[in-house]
């Protein structure tokens, strides 16, 4: 059963279960990466047979297979995917940035160019953790950014195919190529390229401990999005909130993972008690009861604070992945929020809206990283470079300043690269 605390009985840093011990898989992963680098597709076929128990004849999903797989998804759900994609697209189109040019000084032109990444790889887990919503959330911003090549990797099923819902989402979002490969070997293939799988400039998407470790090890060879931790939800609710709905929202995250954290902070002791009772009533009703039970019993907490302002202070210190504000005037609270991945306002806005349909991205910073990082966006699929132009006269006007800086740093060749131009100009 979930534990109820009065504010101050535990430290704020103990409210979410973030210190998780896990097996060291770094050695295994480094071996897999080395194998894929050395042996390419041959290694990928071997790992599919070893880990996925399927002997593939081709790594790539052909156009014919893609079309046939999409047809296995009922039209109603395909329509849902289309509607969700439209919302996600509309939101992310507002994030598009343009470069700029500054030419306010005679003979000087400065600017910044924004350029989309050439190739992005998306990892989509298999099994119960494969989510078509994540395909939409990762691919649509990439398309808006102008990424030329979007390739998806996902573990093959026992029959050698790919989950139809994943393929349908890929088709809606605009994935260019799909490959049947999972695990650390898929990350290695994207990072270094093989005979079949193109090398990616950046790798996106969640995965198990082996995938997360592989992303860590290849970072620097290519970019990665983030290393995502267990899911988190913090609900700030006043005494007028419905305990049935609060409990339901907590369980929406608890069913993700036994390590997920679902926490309620309230100024009402009565709501705390009623929500705890509701959790006990609702958990047995869930198909993923075992997972939700472990999450709630081990990591779930209810904190009774002395005020809603105190609850907001807790939220800002914890920096949760998902933050629900269940009060009469949630917009009055919004400007007080500094640290959160995504904020859901009001009593009719469950976090699940953000997971699937509303439009903002559901790939969010976890583990307190919302203190310094942001949700996935179009910005994650572009890079920027600056440019500078000076005429000879414009350079001459600042030569002494530049040389003074360079000499002070002991970099005299830097200074000469500027002053020599003056001497060349004087001799002409």
Protein backbone atom coordinates (compact mmCIF):
# COMPACT_ATOMS: atom_id res chain seq x y z
CA UNK A 1 0.00 0.00 0.00
CA UNK A 2 1.17 3.52 -0.74
CA UNK A 3 2.78 5.45 2.10
CA UNK A 4 1.46 8.82 3.32
CA UNK A 5 3.89 11.34 4.81
CA UNK A 6 3.54 14.75 6.35
CA UNK A 7 5.78 17.32 4.71
CA UNK A 8 9.22 17.17 6.28
CA UNK A 9 9.08 13.52 7.34
CA UNK A 10 11.25 12.65 4.34
CA UNK A 11 13.60 14.82 2.34
CA UNK A 12 12.49 16.13 -1.01
CA UNK A 13 15.34 14.20 -2.63
CA UNK A 14 13.77 10.97 -1.32
CA UNK A 15 10.29 11.56 -2.74
CA UNK A 16 11.07 10.05 -6.15
CA UNK A 17 12.88 6.71 -6.38
CA UNK A 18 15.77 7.79 -8.56
CA UNK A 19 18.76 5.88 -7.22
CA UNK A 20 18.32 2.58 -9.01
CA UNK A 21 20.91 -0.15 -8.93
CA UNK A 22 21.35 -2.10 -12.14
CA UNK A 23 23.66 -4.77 -13.44
CA UNK A 24 26.82 -3.59 -15.15
CA UNK A 25 26.33 -4.40 -18.82
CA UNK A 26 29.09 -2.18 -20.16
CA UNK A 27 31.44 -5.06 -20.98
CA UNK A 28 28.83 -7.04 -22.86
CA UNK A 29 27.74 -3.96 -24.78
CA UNK A 30 31.26 -2.94 -25.77
CA UNK A 31 31.80 -6.44 -27.13
CA UNK A 32 28.63 -6.25 -29.21
CA UNK A 33 29.60 -2.84 -30.59
CA UNK A 34 33.05 -4.08 -31.56
CA UNK A 35 31.54 -7.12 -33.27
CA UNK A 36 29.12 -5.02 -35.32
CA UNK A 37 31.87 -2.60 -36.30
CA UNK A 38 34.04 -5.47 -37.49
CA UNK A 39 31.43 -7.73 -39.07
CA UNK A 40 28.50 -5.51 -40.05
CA UNK A 41 25.37 -7.26 -41.29
CA UNK A 42 26.83 -10.69 -40.53
CA UNK A 43 26.90 -9.81 -36.83
CA UNK A 44 23.36 -8.44 -36.96
CA UNK A 45 21.98 -11.64 -38.47
CA UNK A 46 23.79 -13.69 -35.84
CA UNK A 47 22.45 -11.60 -32.96
CA UNK A 48 18.90 -11.84 -34.31
CA UNK A 49 19.20 -15.60 -34.25
CA UNK A 50 20.79 -15.61 -30.79
CA UNK A 51 18.63 -13.08 -28.97
CA UNK A 52 15.40 -12.85 -30.97
CA UNK A 53 15.28 -16.55 -31.88
CA UNK A 54 14.58 -15.79 -35.51
CA UNK A 55 16.66 -16.47 -38.61
CA UNK A 56 16.26 -13.53 -40.96
CA UNK A 57 16.99 -13.50 -44.67
CA UNK A 58 16.76 -9.72 -44.92
CA UNK A 59 17.22 -6.92 -42.38
CA UNK A 60 15.13 -4.30 -44.13
CA UNK A 61 11.35 -4.20 -44.27
CA UNK A 62 10.52 -4.09 -47.97
CA UNK A 63 7.88 -1.79 -49.42
CA UNK A 64 5.67 -4.80 -50.07
CA UNK A 65 6.04 -6.07 -46.50
CA UNK A 66 5.41 -2.60 -45.13
CA UNK A 67 2.16 -2.23 -47.09
CA UNK A 68 0.97 -5.70 -46.09
CA UNK A 69 1.80 -5.08 -42.43
CA UNK A 70 -0.04 -1.76 -42.34
CA UNK A 71 -3.13 -3.51 -43.70
CA UNK A 72 -3.17 -5.70 -40.61
CA UNK A 73 -4.02 -2.64 -38.49
CA UNK A 74 -7.72 -1.87 -38.31
CA UNK A 75 -8.78 1.33 -40.11
CA UNK A 76 -10.18 2.85 -36.91
CA UNK A 77 -6.80 2.82 -35.20
CA UNK A 78 -5.06 4.07 -38.31
CA UNK A 79 -7.47 7.02 -38.24
CA UNK A 80 -6.56 7.64 -34.59
CA UNK A 81 -2.88 7.68 -35.58
CA UNK A 82 -3.64 10.24 -38.28
CA UNK A 83 -5.52 12.52 -35.88
CA UNK A 84 -2.80 12.29 -33.25
CA UNK A 85 -0.16 12.98 -35.89
CA UNK A 86 -2.04 16.11 -36.99
CA UNK A 87 -2.03 17.45 -33.43
CA UNK A 88 1.65 16.65 -32.93
CA UNK A 89 2.52 18.23 -36.27
CA UNK A 90 0.56 21.42 -35.53
CA UNK A 91 2.30 21.87 -32.18
CA UNK A 92 5.82 21.21 -33.42
CA UNK A 93 5.51 23.42 -36.49
CA UNK A 94 5.46 26.36 -34.07
CA UNK A 95 8.97 25.40 -32.93
CA UNK A 96 10.65 25.98 -36.28
CA UNK A 97 13.43 28.54 -36.04
CA UNK A 98 15.12 30.52 -38.78
CA UNK A 99 18.65 31.85 -39.05
CA UNK A 100 19.55 35.52 -38.91
CA UNK A 101 21.89 38.06 -40.49
CA UNK A 102 23.39 41.15 -38.83
CA UNK A 103 24.88 43.84 -41.06
CA UNK A 104 24.57 46.92 -38.89
CA UNK A 105 28.28 47.88 -39.19
CA UNK A 106 29.91 48.93 -42.44
CA UNK A 107 31.86 46.08 -44.01
CA UNK A 108 30.72 43.48 -41.47
CA UNK A 109 28.20 40.70 -42.03
CA UNK A 110 27.45 38.20 -39.25
CA UNK A 111 24.86 35.48 -39.08
CA UNK A 112 23.65 32.07 -38.08
CA UNK A 113 22.43 29.25 -40.29
CA UNK A 114 20.16 26.46 -39.08
CA UNK A 115 20.68 23.17 -40.89
CA UNK A 116 18.73 19.91 -40.46
CA UNK A 117 20.59 16.74 -39.63
CA UNK A 118 21.19 14.49 -42.64
CA UNK A 119 20.31 11.08 -41.15
CA UNK A 120 18.52 10.24 -37.90
CA UNK A 121 18.07 6.78 -36.44
CA UNK A 122 15.11 5.89 -34.24
CA UNK A 123 15.20 2.91 -31.89
CA UNK A 124 11.78 1.41 -31.13
CA UNK A 125 11.72 -1.32 -28.46
CA UNK A 126 9.95 -4.62 -29.02
CA UNK A 127 7.61 -6.60 -26.79
CA UNK A 128 5.26 -4.87 -24.36
CA UNK A 129 7.39 -1.72 -24.40
CA UNK A 130 6.95 -0.90 -28.07
CA UNK A 131 4.82 2.18 -28.44
CA UNK A 132 3.50 3.56 -31.75
CA UNK A 133 3.02 6.90 -30.00
CA UNK A 134 6.79 7.18 -29.58
CA UNK A 135 7.23 6.73 -33.31
CA UNK A 136 4.99 9.72 -33.96
CA UNK A 137 6.66 11.82 -31.27
CA UNK A 138 10.17 11.18 -32.57
CA UNK A 139 9.62 11.23 -36.31
CA UNK A 140 7.22 14.12 -36.84
CA UNK A 141 9.56 16.79 -35.38
CA UNK A 142 12.38 15.34 -37.51
CA UNK A 143 10.28 15.68 -40.66
CA UNK A 144 9.36 19.24 -39.76
CA UNK A 145 13.03 20.04 -39.16
CA UNK A 146 13.84 18.79 -42.67
CA UNK A 147 15.84 15.67 -41.82
CA UNK A 148 16.57 13.96 -45.13
CA UNK A 149 16.79 10.31 -44.00
CA UNK A 150 14.88 8.84 -41.06
CA UNK A 151 15.60 5.18 -40.39
CA UNK A 152 13.94 3.05 -37.75
CA UNK A 153 15.29 -0.06 -36.06
CA UNK A 154 13.14 -2.42 -34.03
CA UNK A 155 13.53 -6.05 -32.92
CA UNK A 156 11.89 -8.67 -35.13
CA UNK A 157 8.99 -10.74 -33.83
CA UNK A 158 9.25 -14.52 -33.62
CA UNK A 159 7.71 -14.81 -37.09
CA UNK A 160 10.34 -12.50 -38.55
CA UNK A 161 7.94 -9.59 -38.94
CA UNK A 162 7.49 -6.27 -37.16
CA UNK A 163 4.59 -5.25 -34.94
CA UNK A 164 1.87 -3.86 -37.23
CA UNK A 165 1.03 -0.87 -35.02
CA UNK A 166 4.66 0.24 -35.10
CA UNK A 167 4.80 -0.03 -38.89
CA UNK A 168 1.50 1.83 -39.24
CA UNK A 169 2.78 4.67 -37.07
CA UNK A 170 6.00 4.76 -39.09
CA UNK A 171 4.01 5.05 -42.29
CA UNK A 172 1.89 7.89 -40.90
CA UNK A 173 4.89 9.77 -39.51
CA UNK A 174 7.05 9.38 -42.61
CA UNK A 175 9.86 6.97 -41.71
CA UNK A 176 12.01 6.35 -44.78
CA UNK A 177 13.42 2.89 -44.00
CA UNK A 178 12.74 0.23 -41.34
CA UNK A 179 15.17 -2.46 -40.21
CA UNK A 180 14.54 -5.57 -38.13
CA UNK A 181 17.26 -5.33 -35.54
CA UNK A 182 17.17 -4.57 -31.82
CA UNK A 183 19.36 -4.35 -28.75
CA UNK A 184 22.84 -2.89 -28.45
CA UNK A 185 23.63 -4.25 -31.92
CA UNK A 186 21.02 -1.93 -33.44
CA UNK A 187 22.60 1.09 -31.76
CA UNK A 188 26.04 0.02 -33.00
CA UNK A 189 24.68 -0.36 -36.54
CA UNK A 190 23.21 3.14 -36.47
CA UNK A 191 26.36 4.66 -35.00
CA UNK A 192 28.86 3.10 -37.38
CA UNK A 193 26.77 1.91 -40.33
CA UNK A 194 26.79 -1.53 -41.95
CA UNK A 195 26.42 -2.82 -45.49
CA UNK A 196 22.66 -2.34 -45.19
CA UNK A 197 21.99 0.15 -42.39
CA UNK A 198 23.13 3.73 -42.97
CA UNK A 199 25.19 5.58 -40.40
CA UNK A 200 23.08 8.04 -38.39
CA UNK A 201 24.11 11.49 -37.25
CA UNK A 202 21.93 11.13 -34.15
CA UNK A 203 20.15 8.24 -32.43
CA UNK A 204 16.79 8.73 -30.75
CA UNK A 205 14.42 6.54 -28.76
CA UNK A 206 14.29 4.57 -25.50
CA UNK A 207 15.36 1.01 -24.77
CA UNK A 208 16.45 -1.44 -22.11
CA UNK A 209 19.68 -1.30 -20.10
CA UNK A 210 21.71 -2.68 -23.03
CA UNK A 211 20.33 -0.08 -25.43
CA UNK A 212 20.88 2.75 -22.94
CA UNK A 213 24.48 1.62 -22.33
CA UNK A 214 25.11 1.34 -26.06
CA UNK A 215 23.88 4.89 -26.57
CA UNK A 216 26.27 6.06 -23.87
CA UNK A 217 29.19 4.27 -25.50
CA UNK A 218 28.59 5.57 -29.03
CA UNK A 219 27.93 9.15 -27.94
CA UNK A 220 30.62 11.27 -29.58
CA UNK A 221 30.65 9.06 -32.65
CA UNK A 222 27.13 10.35 -33.16
CA UNK A 223 24.63 12.32 -31.13
CA UNK A 224 21.94 10.86 -28.88
CA UNK A 225 18.73 12.32 -27.50
CA UNK A 226 18.97 11.41 -23.81
CA UNK A 227 19.31 8.49 -21.43
CA UNK A 228 15.76 8.12 -20.18
CA UNK A 229 15.06 6.81 -16.70
CA UNK A 230 11.88 5.27 -15.23
CA UNK A 231 8.66 7.21 -15.75
CA UNK A 232 7.60 9.82 -13.18
CA UNK A 233 4.44 11.70 -12.32
CA UNK A 234 3.91 14.30 -9.62
CA UNK A 235 0.35 15.46 -9.00
CA UNK A 236 -0.31 18.66 -7.08
CA UNK A 237 -3.96 18.56 -6.03
CA UNK A 238 -6.16 20.53 -3.67
CA UNK A 239 -8.90 19.13 -1.46
CA UNK A 240 -11.58 19.63 -4.12
CA UNK A 241 -9.95 17.06 -6.40
CA UNK A 242 -11.64 13.73 -7.04
CA UNK A 243 -9.59 10.92 -5.42
CA UNK A 244 -10.76 8.46 -8.10
CA UNK A 245 -9.23 10.59 -10.83
CA UNK A 246 -6.06 11.34 -8.91
CA UNK A 247 -5.52 7.63 -8.28
CA UNK A 248 -6.23 6.81 -11.92
CA UNK A 249 -3.65 9.36 -13.07
CA UNK A 250 -1.04 8.00 -10.66
CA UNK A 251 -1.62 4.50 -12.00
CA UNK A 252 -1.28 5.67 -15.59
CA UNK A 253 2.43 6.02 -14.87
CA UNK A 254 2.80 3.24 -12.32
CA UNK A 255 1.78 0.64 -14.93
CA UNK A 256 4.76 1.59 -17.12
CA UNK A 257 7.47 0.04 -15.02
CA UNK A 258 8.06 -1.41 -11.55
CA UNK A 259 10.64 1.36 -11.09
CA UNK A 260 8.19 4.15 -12.03
CA UNK A 261 7.39 6.80 -9.44
CA UNK A 262 3.87 8.14 -8.87
CA UNK A 263 3.54 10.84 -6.19
CA UNK A 264 0.70 13.01 -4.94
CA UNK A 265 1.38 16.25 -3.06
CA UNK A 266 -1.71 17.81 -1.50
CA UNK A 267 -2.73 20.24 1.20
CA UNK A 268 -5.64 17.96 2.14
CA UNK A 269 -5.18 15.04 4.55
CA UNK A 270 -8.65 13.82 3.57
CA UNK A 271 -7.71 13.66 -0.13
CA UNK A 272 -4.54 11.80 0.81
CA UNK A 273 -6.44 9.08 2.66
CA UNK A 274 -9.15 8.76 0.01
CA UNK A 275 -6.60 8.56 -2.81
CA UNK A 276 -4.71 5.79 -0.99
CA UNK A 277 -7.97 3.85 -0.68
CA UNK A 278 -8.75 4.43 -4.37
CA UNK A 279 -5.37 3.07 -5.37
CA UNK A 280 -6.12 -0.14 -3.51
CA UNK A 281 -9.48 -0.40 -5.23
CA UNK A 282 -8.17 0.30 -8.74
CA UNK A 283 -4.90 -1.63 -8.83
CA UNK A 284 -6.59 -5.09 -8.95
CA UNK A 285 -8.63 -3.92 -11.94
CA UNK A 286 -5.53 -3.40 -14.11
CA UNK A 287 -4.20 -5.98 -16.59
CA UNK A 288 -0.71 -4.81 -15.56
CA UNK A 289 -1.59 -5.19 -11.89
CA UNK A 290 1.74 -6.73 -10.90
CA UNK A 291 3.76 -3.86 -12.36
CA UNK A 292 1.49 -1.16 -10.94
CA UNK A 293 1.45 -2.81 -7.51
CA UNK A 294 5.25 -2.93 -7.33
CA UNK A 295 5.55 0.68 -8.47
CA UNK A 296 2.99 2.01 -5.98
CA UNK A 297 4.14 -0.07 -3.01
CA UNK A 298 7.86 0.50 -3.54
CA UNK A 299 8.08 3.95 -5.08
CA UNK A 300 4.68 5.63 -4.68
CA UNK A 301 4.18 8.33 -2.04
CA UNK A 302 1.59 10.80 -0.87
CA UNK A 303 2.87 13.98 0.77
CA UNK A 304 0.56 16.15 2.85
CA UNK A 305 1.94 19.69 2.65
CA UNK A 306 0.91 22.68 4.72
CA UNK A 307 -0.08 24.66 1.61
CA UNK A 308 -0.27 24.50 -2.17
CA UNK A 309 2.60 26.96 -2.37
CA UNK A 310 4.68 24.41 -0.47
CA UNK A 311 3.55 21.76 -2.95
CA UNK A 312 4.79 23.92 -5.83
CA UNK A 313 8.12 24.37 -4.07
CA UNK A 314 8.41 20.58 -3.85
CA UNK A 315 7.61 20.22 -7.54
CA UNK A 316 10.27 22.75 -8.52
CA UNK A 317 12.90 21.03 -6.42
CA UNK A 318 12.05 17.55 -7.74
CA UNK A 319 11.74 18.64 -11.40
CA UNK A 320 9.36 15.82 -12.38
CA UNK A 321 8.95 14.38 -15.84
CA UNK A 322 5.16 14.85 -15.72
CA UNK A 323 3.48 17.42 -13.47
CA UNK A 324 -0.29 17.66 -13.05
CA UNK A 325 -1.82 20.75 -11.42
CA UNK A 326 -5.32 19.82 -10.18
CA UNK A 327 -6.67 23.09 -8.80
CA UNK A 328 -9.47 25.52 -9.57
CA UNK A 329 -7.13 28.10 -11.12
CA UNK A 330 -4.22 26.13 -12.63
CA UNK A 331 -3.04 29.02 -14.82
CA UNK A 332 -2.36 31.01 -11.66
CA UNK A 333 0.09 28.27 -10.73
CA UNK A 334 1.71 27.87 -14.16
CA UNK A 335 4.00 30.90 -13.88
CA UNK A 336 5.35 29.54 -10.59
CA UNK A 337 6.57 26.33 -12.24
CA UNK A 338 10.26 26.43 -13.12
CA UNK A 339 11.26 22.77 -13.39
CA UNK A 340 9.12 20.15 -15.13
CA UNK A 341 9.17 18.12 -18.32
CA UNK A 342 5.54 18.70 -19.22
CA UNK A 343 2.75 20.35 -17.23
CA UNK A 344 -0.92 19.33 -17.34
CA UNK A 345 -3.35 21.97 -16.14
CA UNK A 346 -6.73 21.48 -14.51
CA UNK A 347 -8.90 18.59 -13.40
CA UNK A 348 -9.78 17.48 -16.94
CA UNK A 349 -6.25 17.09 -18.28
CA UNK A 350 -4.80 13.66 -17.46
CA UNK A 351 -1.18 13.03 -18.39
CA UNK A 352 -2.29 10.36 -20.88
CA UNK A 353 -3.47 13.17 -23.17
CA UNK A 354 0.16 14.14 -23.56
CA UNK A 355 1.32 10.59 -24.10
CA UNK A 356 -0.79 10.14 -27.18
CA UNK A 357 -2.80 12.94 -28.58
CA UNK A 358 -2.64 16.56 -27.41
CA UNK A 359 0.41 17.58 -29.45
CA UNK A 360 3.32 18.44 -27.12
CA UNK A 361 6.08 15.86 -27.15
CA UNK A 362 6.00 12.98 -24.68
CA UNK A 363 9.76 12.36 -24.81
CA UNK A 364 10.66 14.19 -21.62
CA UNK A 365 13.59 14.67 -19.24
CA UNK A 366 13.53 12.29 -16.26
CA UNK A 367 15.54 11.90 -13.09
CA UNK A 368 15.51 15.60 -12.23
CA UNK A 369 17.12 16.59 -15.54
CA UNK A 370 14.19 18.93 -16.21
CA UNK A 371 16.24 21.39 -14.12
CA UNK A 372 18.45 21.90 -17.16
CA UNK A 373 16.93 20.12 -20.16
CA UNK A 374 13.76 20.18 -22.21
CA UNK A 375 11.27 17.94 -24.00
CA UNK A 376 12.18 16.57 -27.41
CA UNK A 377 11.54 19.20 -30.09
CA UNK A 378 12.37 20.30 -33.60
CA UNK A 379 15.56 21.81 -32.15
CA UNK A 380 16.88 18.31 -31.48
CA UNK A 381 16.99 17.60 -35.21
CA UNK A 382 18.90 20.63 -36.37
CA UNK A 383 22.37 22.04 -35.89
CA UNK A 384 23.56 25.60 -36.16
CA UNK A 385 26.65 27.26 -37.53
CA UNK A 386 27.67 30.89 -37.57
CA UNK A 387 29.29 32.87 -40.36
CA UNK A 388 31.42 36.02 -40.38
CA UNK A 389 32.47 38.42 -43.16
CA UNK A 390 34.72 41.49 -42.80
CA UNK A 391 36.03 43.75 -45.52
CA UNK A 392 39.69 44.84 -45.37
CA UNK A 393 38.69 48.24 -43.96
CA UNK A 394 36.46 46.67 -41.32
CA UNK A 395 39.25 44.34 -40.22
CA UNK A 396 41.74 47.21 -40.07
CA UNK A 397 39.45 49.07 -37.69
CA UNK A 398 39.60 46.25 -35.09
CA UNK A 399 43.08 44.81 -35.73
CA UNK A 400 44.63 46.30 -32.59
CA UNK A 401 41.80 45.00 -30.39
CA UNK A 402 42.04 41.46 -31.78
CA UNK A 403 45.83 41.44 -31.51
CA UNK A 404 45.65 42.67 -27.91
CA UNK A 405 43.40 39.76 -26.97
CA UNK A 406 45.62 37.23 -28.72
CA UNK A 407 48.84 38.57 -27.19
CA UNK A 408 47.30 38.57 -23.71
CA UNK A 409 46.51 34.87 -24.14
CA UNK A 410 50.01 34.14 -25.36
CA UNK A 411 48.83 33.15 -28.82
CA UNK A 412 51.08 35.34 -30.91
CA UNK A 413 50.41 33.57 -34.19
CA UNK A 414 46.76 34.47 -33.73
CA UNK A 415 47.79 38.10 -33.44
CA UNK A 416 50.05 37.90 -36.49
CA UNK A 417 47.24 36.41 -38.60
CA UNK A 418 45.48 39.75 -38.10
CA UNK A 419 48.39 42.21 -38.11
CA UNK A 420 50.01 40.66 -41.19
CA UNK A 421 46.95 41.60 -43.19
CA UNK A 422 47.52 45.22 -42.25
CA UNK A 423 51.10 45.08 -43.48
CA UNK A 424 49.98 43.47 -46.74
CA UNK A 425 47.41 46.24 -47.21
CA UNK A 426 49.99 48.93 -46.44
CA UNK A 427 52.39 47.51 -49.08
CA UNK A 428 49.81 47.45 -51.83
